[in-house]
């Protein structure tokens, strides 16, 4: 196929996929968290289920954690319920093996089990000889211990990522840094970016403009990434001093942060109000440390802001430097001075906020939307 223009390869594979799918393809999706609960899952593969079903694919879906356990998993206590939830997850995976023989492909997001060696992946690949599509969007081969998972960090078995890569039919990676790692162990690696539904979901046309009378800087994320806000607390404190009650900082997360800010507004993350809550933000931020773990991030926060025409101010780490064209569709900032100046400039200039926001949405629609990437995703199963 060397004579085929690489730009047309995903489209060609998409055509082949659709022809093949007419024979009723069965794909088993195995993932850690309940459907609709994890941004990583929602924006990497869950939103493509409708495309698969329209193409005649039967998708079998199974999470490791059930919803009841997931909702208390990172809370203190509840030990018995957590143990029961863990054992239930193992039993679900064992019973899955009875059905796995029917699968044409097995799509594994991150891992089949949250701890221990890749036992199930080995059985699926070597005993049942199934084609594994292995998908990840973080540097999961690295140890990244947080307060919540310190107890089990020593049995996470991070080295299993390398083995699963070797056993997989094809690998789907969220950025080129992750893809470079995977290519050490498997030649069939696809750059499959985290994408946004810019039509039905992250569409500012569906949500009215808010008018709180304040300039709102905002951040969204999970409990595990709240630590990155600490990097810009001095900046936010400066802005509070300068603008007083005209300024507020919104955090949308599944855990309330403890921050030394007077004008902090916490909004518990909920899927049904996610876009409405994000629409309250005038300027979105994504600070990161410049380390090997952060390089594996796929820029999801920036993509969410940009899709909603919210100007994004981010750290120039990893894929952020590919997503953001600084001062055109967002701002890349390293020093505290750069962070303050970028946010302050956007606060003072409403026209600039609208221009940067519009440019940001255009970039996401063209490069990081479900529609622009659907051919690449579906080609994973060809």
Protein backbone atom coordinates (compact mmCIF):
# COMPACT_ATOMS: atom_id res chain seq x y z
CA UNK A 1 0.00 0.00 0.00
CA UNK A 2 3.04 2.25 -0.22
CA UNK A 3 1.63 4.03 -3.28
CA UNK A 4 -1.50 5.17 -1.38
CA UNK A 5 -1.47 8.73 -0.08
CA UNK A 6 -1.33 8.47 3.73
CA UNK A 7 -3.88 11.27 4.03
CA UNK A 8 -6.49 8.97 2.46
CA UNK A 9 -5.58 5.85 4.46
CA UNK A 10 -8.09 6.34 7.33
CA UNK A 11 -10.87 6.96 4.81
CA UNK A 12 -9.89 3.84 2.83
CA UNK A 13 -9.85 1.75 6.02
CA UNK A 14 -13.22 3.23 6.94
CA UNK A 15 -14.67 1.99 3.63
CA UNK A 16 -13.15 -1.46 4.20
CA UNK A 17 -14.55 -1.43 7.74
CA UNK A 18 -18.08 -0.72 6.54
CA UNK A 19 -17.93 -3.55 4.01
CA UNK A 20 -16.62 -5.94 6.68
CA UNK A 21 -19.14 -4.76 9.30
CA UNK A 22 -22.09 -5.76 7.12
CA UNK A 23 -21.27 -9.36 8.12
CA UNK A 24 -22.30 -8.41 11.70
CA UNK A 25 -19.11 -7.83 13.61
CA UNK A 26 -19.00 -8.42 17.36
CA UNK A 27 -16.75 -6.16 19.42
CA UNK A 28 -16.28 -6.61 23.16
CA UNK A 29 -15.43 -3.38 24.99
CA UNK A 30 -13.68 -3.86 28.35
CA UNK A 31 -13.01 -0.81 30.48
CA UNK A 32 -12.51 0.16 34.15
CA UNK A 33 -15.41 2.49 35.00
CA UNK A 34 -19.21 2.49 34.57
CA UNK A 35 -20.50 3.98 31.33
CA UNK A 36 -20.96 7.74 31.38
CA UNK A 37 -18.79 8.28 34.47
CA UNK A 38 -15.23 8.71 33.18
CA UNK A 39 -14.20 11.52 30.78
CA UNK A 40 -11.46 9.30 29.40
CA UNK A 41 -13.97 6.66 28.37
CA UNK A 42 -16.72 9.02 27.28
CA UNK A 43 -14.53 10.98 24.89
CA UNK A 44 -12.31 8.18 23.59
CA UNK A 45 -14.81 5.49 22.66
CA UNK A 46 -18.28 5.74 24.26
CA UNK A 47 -19.43 8.50 21.93
CA UNK A 48 -18.57 6.30 18.92
CA UNK A 49 -20.96 3.50 19.86
CA UNK A 50 -23.70 5.03 17.70
CA UNK A 51 -21.39 4.98 14.67
CA UNK A 52 -20.54 1.33 15.28
CA UNK A 53 -24.18 0.35 15.68
CA UNK A 54 -25.15 2.16 12.47
CA UNK A 55 -22.48 0.14 10.69
CA UNK A 56 -23.98 -3.13 11.89
CA UNK A 57 -21.58 -3.79 14.77
CA UNK A 58 -22.81 -5.53 17.91
CA UNK A 59 -20.96 -3.93 20.84
CA UNK A 60 -20.78 -5.84 24.11
CA UNK A 61 -19.80 -3.48 26.97
CA UNK A 62 -18.45 -4.38 30.40
CA UNK A 63 -16.89 -2.23 33.11
CA UNK A 64 -14.82 -3.63 35.96
CA UNK A 65 -16.33 -1.40 38.65
CA UNK A 66 -20.09 -1.24 39.13
CA UNK A 67 -21.71 2.14 39.67
CA UNK A 68 -22.35 1.66 43.39
CA UNK A 69 -18.70 0.84 44.10
CA UNK A 70 -17.38 3.52 41.78
CA UNK A 71 -19.21 6.24 43.69
CA UNK A 72 -17.44 5.37 46.96
CA UNK A 73 -14.16 4.05 45.55
CA UNK A 74 -12.08 7.16 46.35
CA UNK A 75 -13.85 8.02 49.60
CA UNK A 76 -12.50 7.13 53.02
CA UNK A 77 -13.97 4.02 54.61
CA UNK A 78 -16.52 1.74 52.90
CA UNK A 79 -13.88 -1.05 53.00
CA UNK A 80 -16.33 -3.95 52.86
CA UNK A 81 -18.25 -2.45 49.94
CA UNK A 82 -15.00 -1.81 48.06
CA UNK A 83 -13.83 -5.40 48.59
CA UNK A 84 -17.21 -6.76 47.45
CA UNK A 85 -17.09 -4.47 44.40
CA UNK A 86 -13.57 -5.65 43.55
CA UNK A 87 -14.49 -9.33 43.83
CA UNK A 88 -17.62 -8.71 41.76
CA UNK A 89 -15.46 -7.14 39.07
CA UNK A 90 -13.21 -10.20 38.98
CA UNK A 91 -16.20 -12.53 38.72
CA UNK A 92 -17.63 -10.47 35.83
CA UNK A 93 -14.33 -10.79 33.96
CA UNK A 94 -14.19 -14.55 34.58
CA UNK A 95 -17.74 -15.11 33.29
CA UNK A 96 -16.88 -12.90 30.32
CA UNK A 97 -14.44 -15.57 29.12
CA UNK A 98 -17.41 -17.84 28.44
CA UNK A 99 -18.63 -15.35 25.81
CA UNK A 100 -15.31 -14.06 24.48
CA UNK A 101 -15.13 -16.78 21.83
CA UNK A 102 -17.85 -14.91 19.89
CA UNK A 103 -15.79 -11.72 19.61
CA UNK A 104 -14.20 -10.51 16.38
CA UNK A 105 -12.31 -7.82 18.30
CA UNK A 106 -11.74 -7.07 21.98
CA UNK A 107 -11.30 -3.36 22.69
CA UNK A 108 -9.44 -2.85 25.99
CA UNK A 109 -9.27 0.63 27.48
CA UNK A 110 -6.28 0.89 29.83
CA UNK A 111 -6.54 -2.60 31.38
CA UNK A 112 -8.90 -5.47 32.10
CA UNK A 113 -8.18 -5.41 35.85
CA UNK A 114 -7.04 -2.42 37.96
CA UNK A 115 -4.33 -4.38 39.78
CA UNK A 116 -2.08 -7.37 39.19
CA UNK A 117 -0.50 -8.84 36.07
CA UNK A 118 -2.25 -8.86 32.66
CA UNK A 119 -3.69 -12.34 33.19
CA UNK A 120 -6.96 -11.76 31.35
CA UNK A 121 -5.24 -9.97 28.46
CA UNK A 122 -2.91 -12.98 28.06
CA UNK A 123 -5.82 -15.42 28.05
CA UNK A 124 -7.74 -13.34 25.51
CA UNK A 125 -4.73 -12.98 23.18
CA UNK A 126 -2.97 -16.32 23.61
CA UNK A 127 -5.65 -18.84 24.56
CA UNK A 128 -8.66 -17.45 22.67
CA UNK A 129 -6.43 -15.79 20.03
CA UNK A 130 -8.64 -12.71 19.79
CA UNK A 131 -7.62 -9.46 18.16
CA UNK A 132 -7.07 -6.92 20.92
CA UNK A 133 -7.44 -3.20 20.21
CA UNK A 134 -5.55 -1.64 23.11
CA UNK A 135 -6.45 1.96 23.91
CA UNK A 136 -4.85 4.37 26.39
CA UNK A 137 -4.62 8.13 26.85
CA UNK A 138 -2.20 8.47 29.77
CA UNK A 139 1.36 7.35 30.45
CA UNK A 140 -0.03 4.37 32.37
CA UNK A 141 3.27 2.50 32.33
CA UNK A 142 4.55 5.06 34.87
CA UNK A 143 3.83 5.06 38.58
CA UNK A 144 1.75 8.12 39.44
CA UNK A 145 0.76 7.58 43.04
CA UNK A 146 -1.86 9.85 44.57
CA UNK A 147 -3.16 9.98 48.13
CA UNK A 148 -6.25 8.04 47.08
CA UNK A 149 -4.45 5.10 45.45
CA UNK A 150 -1.26 4.88 47.54
CA UNK A 151 -2.48 1.72 49.29
CA UNK A 152 -2.72 -0.28 46.07
CA UNK A 153 0.05 1.42 44.10
CA UNK A 154 2.53 -1.37 44.83
CA UNK A 155 0.29 -3.97 43.12
CA UNK A 156 -0.78 -1.84 40.13
CA UNK A 157 1.76 -3.70 37.96
CA UNK A 158 2.53 -0.75 35.67
CA UNK A 159 4.88 -2.88 33.56
CA UNK A 160 1.91 -4.77 32.13
CA UNK A 161 1.35 -1.96 29.60
CA UNK A 162 4.39 -3.14 27.66
CA UNK A 163 3.15 -6.74 27.61
CA UNK A 164 -0.36 -5.82 26.48
CA UNK A 165 1.15 -3.73 23.69
CA UNK A 166 3.10 -6.78 22.50
CA UNK A 167 0.03 -9.02 22.52
CA UNK A 168 -2.30 -6.56 20.80
CA UNK A 169 -3.46 -6.62 17.20
CA UNK A 170 -3.54 -2.82 17.08
CA UNK A 171 -2.94 0.03 19.54
CA UNK A 172 -4.91 3.26 19.82
CA UNK A 173 -3.04 6.16 21.46
CA UNK A 174 -4.27 9.62 22.41
CA UNK A 175 -1.11 11.49 21.43
CA UNK A 176 2.26 11.00 19.74
CA UNK A 177 4.18 10.71 23.03
CA UNK A 178 2.08 7.66 23.95
CA UNK A 179 2.33 6.32 20.40
CA UNK A 180 6.14 6.51 20.50
CA UNK A 181 6.12 4.35 23.63
CA UNK A 182 3.75 1.79 22.06
CA UNK A 183 5.80 1.58 18.85
CA UNK A 184 8.66 0.04 20.82
CA UNK A 185 6.54 -3.10 21.20
CA UNK A 186 4.06 -3.10 18.30
CA UNK A 187 4.27 -1.78 14.74
CA UNK A 188 0.52 -1.24 14.32
CA UNK A 189 -0.06 1.94 16.35
CA UNK A 190 -2.78 4.46 15.48
CA UNK A 191 -2.87 8.07 16.65
CA UNK A 192 -6.47 8.34 17.79
CA UNK A 193 -6.96 11.69 19.58
CA UNK A 194 -9.44 12.30 22.37
CA UNK A 195 -12.34 13.99 20.59
CA UNK A 196 -15.33 16.22 21.27
CA UNK A 197 -18.90 15.98 19.99
CA UNK A 198 -19.02 19.55 18.70
CA UNK A 199 -22.51 19.19 17.24
CA UNK A 200 -24.79 17.56 19.80
CA UNK A 201 -22.88 18.08 23.04
CA UNK A 202 -20.11 20.70 23.19
CA UNK A 203 -22.01 23.17 21.07
CA UNK A 204 -22.29 26.75 22.40
CA UNK A 205 -25.29 27.37 20.13
CA UNK A 206 -27.33 25.12 22.42
CA UNK A 207 -26.60 27.09 25.57
CA UNK A 208 -27.51 30.71 26.36
CA UNK A 209 -24.84 33.23 27.26
CA UNK A 210 -24.55 33.66 31.03
CA UNK A 211 -24.47 37.11 32.61
CA UNK A 212 -23.27 36.85 36.21
CA UNK A 213 -21.76 40.31 36.06
CA UNK A 214 -18.39 38.83 36.99
CA UNK A 215 -15.38 37.69 35.02
CA UNK A 216 -15.10 33.96 35.62
CA UNK A 217 -11.92 31.94 35.27
CA UNK A 218 -12.58 28.23 35.49
CA UNK A 219 -11.08 24.76 35.70
CA UNK A 220 -12.65 21.34 35.25
CA UNK A 221 -11.27 17.92 36.04
CA UNK A 222 -11.23 14.97 38.42
CA UNK A 223 -9.94 14.53 41.96
CA UNK A 224 -6.63 13.16 40.63
CA UNK A 225 -5.77 16.36 38.72
CA UNK A 226 -6.87 18.95 41.29
CA UNK A 227 -3.21 19.20 42.37
CA UNK A 228 -2.36 21.11 39.19
CA UNK A 229 -4.46 24.09 40.29
CA UNK A 230 -1.86 24.74 43.00
CA UNK A 231 0.55 25.86 40.28
CA UNK A 232 -1.54 28.96 39.56
CA UNK A 233 -2.92 29.84 43.00
CA UNK A 234 -0.56 32.87 43.27
CA UNK A 235 -1.87 34.09 39.89
CA UNK A 236 -5.49 33.70 40.95
CA UNK A 237 -4.76 35.51 44.21
CA UNK A 238 -3.26 38.41 42.23
CA UNK A 239 -6.37 38.57 40.07
CA UNK A 240 -8.59 38.56 43.14
CA UNK A 241 -6.61 41.47 44.55
CA UNK A 242 -6.85 43.42 41.31
CA UNK A 243 -10.50 42.81 40.47
CA UNK A 244 -12.08 42.10 43.86
CA UNK A 245 -15.67 40.89 43.75
CA UNK A 246 -15.78 41.32 39.95
CA UNK A 247 -13.65 38.17 39.72
CA UNK A 248 -14.47 34.56 40.57
CA UNK A 249 -12.82 31.18 40.08
CA UNK A 250 -15.02 28.17 39.34
CA UNK A 251 -13.90 24.57 39.90
CA UNK A 252 -16.02 21.82 38.34
CA UNK A 253 -14.92 18.46 39.75
CA UNK A 254 -15.99 15.32 41.60
CA UNK A 255 -14.23 16.51 44.77
CA UNK A 256 -14.24 19.91 46.47
CA UNK A 257 -10.75 21.47 46.60
CA UNK A 258 -9.27 23.36 49.54
CA UNK A 259 -7.87 26.53 47.95
CA UNK A 260 -6.69 29.79 49.53
CA UNK A 261 -9.08 31.92 47.47
CA UNK A 262 -11.85 34.24 48.57
CA UNK A 263 -13.95 34.03 45.41
CA UNK A 264 -13.93 30.27 44.85
CA UNK A 265 -17.10 28.63 43.52
CA UNK A 266 -17.27 24.83 43.57
CA UNK A 267 -19.69 23.02 41.26
CA UNK A 268 -19.95 19.22 41.68
CA UNK A 269 -19.46 17.56 38.31
CA UNK A 270 -22.61 16.04 36.83
CA UNK A 271 -22.90 14.69 33.31
CA UNK A 272 -26.38 16.15 32.78
CA UNK A 273 -25.27 19.72 33.65
CA UNK A 274 -21.65 19.49 32.46
CA UNK A 275 -21.94 21.77 29.42
CA UNK A 276 -24.26 24.21 31.14
CA UNK A 277 -21.74 24.51 33.99
CA UNK A 278 -18.78 24.92 31.66
CA UNK A 279 -20.68 27.66 29.83
CA UNK A 280 -20.44 29.79 32.97
CA UNK A 281 -16.68 30.13 32.39
CA UNK A 282 -15.22 33.10 30.51
CA UNK A 283 -11.60 31.86 30.53
CA UNK A 284 -10.57 28.21 30.98
CA UNK A 285 -7.23 27.16 32.43
CA UNK A 286 -5.16 23.98 32.26
CA UNK A 287 -1.93 24.23 34.27
CA UNK A 288 0.42 21.22 34.19
CA UNK A 289 3.83 20.30 35.52
CA UNK A 290 6.41 19.61 32.82
CA UNK A 291 7.15 15.95 33.57
CA UNK A 292 6.91 12.61 31.82
CA UNK A 293 3.48 11.83 33.30
CA UNK A 294 1.95 15.13 32.17
CA UNK A 295 3.42 14.63 28.68
CA UNK A 296 1.02 11.70 28.33
CA UNK A 297 -2.04 13.93 28.86
CA UNK A 298 -4.26 14.38 25.81
CA UNK A 299 -5.32 18.00 26.29
CA UNK A 300 -8.93 17.18 27.09
CA UNK A 301 -9.59 20.22 29.28
CA UNK A 302 -8.29 22.56 26.59
CA UNK A 303 -10.42 20.82 23.96
CA UNK A 304 -13.55 21.19 26.09
CA UNK A 305 -12.99 24.92 26.60
CA UNK A 306 -12.17 25.52 22.96
CA UNK A 307 -15.17 23.57 21.66
CA UNK A 308 -17.41 25.88 23.70
CA UNK A 309 -15.63 28.99 22.41
CA UNK A 310 -14.01 29.59 25.80
CA UNK A 311 -10.45 30.93 25.41
CA UNK A 312 -7.99 28.47 26.95
CA UNK A 313 -4.84 29.38 28.88
CA UNK A 314 -2.66 26.28 29.29
CA UNK A 315 0.80 25.00 30.08
CA UNK A 316 2.88 24.15 26.96
CA UNK A 317 3.26 20.50 27.95
CA UNK A 318 2.83 17.52 25.65
CA UNK A 319 -0.01 17.65 23.13
CA UNK A 320 -1.09 21.11 24.34
CA UNK A 321 1.57 22.59 22.06
CA UNK A 322 -0.13 20.91 19.08
CA UNK A 323 -3.67 21.87 20.07
CA UNK A 324 -2.96 25.52 20.92
CA UNK A 325 -1.54 28.06 18.48
CA UNK A 326 -0.57 30.63 21.08
CA UNK A 327 -2.39 33.97 20.93
CA UNK A 328 -4.48 32.73 17.99
CA UNK A 329 -6.79 30.11 19.50
CA UNK A 330 -5.47 30.08 23.07
CA UNK A 331 -2.44 30.95 25.18
CA UNK A 332 0.59 28.86 26.12
CA UNK A 333 2.15 30.08 29.38
CA UNK A 334 5.21 28.99 31.35
CA UNK A 335 6.16 31.69 33.87
CA UNK A 336 3.83 33.19 36.45
CA UNK A 337 4.19 36.50 34.65
CA UNK A 338 2.99 34.94 31.39
CA UNK A 339 0.05 33.32 33.16
CA UNK A 340 -1.00 36.59 34.80
CA UNK A 341 -0.58 38.67 31.64
CA UNK A 342 -2.56 36.24 29.45
CA UNK A 343 -5.51 35.98 31.82
CA UNK A 344 -5.44 39.70 32.61
CA UNK A 345 -5.43 40.59 28.91
CA UNK A 346 -8.44 38.36 28.30
CA UNK A 347 -10.28 39.81 31.29
CA UNK A 348 -9.84 43.33 30.01
CA UNK A 349 -10.64 42.65 26.35
CA UNK A 350 -14.01 41.06 25.65
CA UNK A 351 -13.46 41.23 21.88
CA UNK A 352 -10.22 39.28 22.25
CA UNK A 353 -12.03 36.63 24.30
CA UNK A 354 -14.58 36.18 21.52
CA UNK A 355 -11.93 36.06 18.76
CA UNK A 356 -9.72 33.53 20.55
CA UNK A 357 -12.76 31.47 21.52
CA UNK A 358 -14.07 31.34 17.95
CA UNK A 359 -10.64 30.34 16.62
CA UNK A 360 -10.40 27.65 19.27
CA UNK A 361 -13.72 26.09 18.32
CA UNK A 362 -12.73 26.12 14.64
CA UNK A 363 -9.55 24.17 15.46
CA UNK A 364 -11.45 21.56 17.47
CA UNK A 365 -14.15 21.10 14.84
CA UNK A 366 -11.54 20.58 12.12
CA UNK A 367 -9.03 18.43 14.02
CA UNK A 368 -10.44 17.06 17.28
CA UNK A 369 -14.16 16.47 16.75
CA UNK A 370 -16.06 13.19 16.61
CA UNK A 371 -17.06 13.87 13.03
CA UNK A 372 -13.52 14.64 11.84
CA UNK A 373 -12.11 11.56 13.61
CA UNK A 374 -14.87 8.97 13.08
CA UNK A 375 -13.12 7.39 10.08
CA UNK A 376 -9.92 6.92 12.10
CA UNK A 377 -11.78 5.37 15.03
CA UNK A 378 -13.79 2.95 12.90
CA UNK A 379 -10.65 1.97 10.97
CA UNK A 380 -9.28 0.44 14.20
CA UNK A 381 -11.56 -2.53 13.55
CA UNK A 382 -10.54 -3.23 9.97
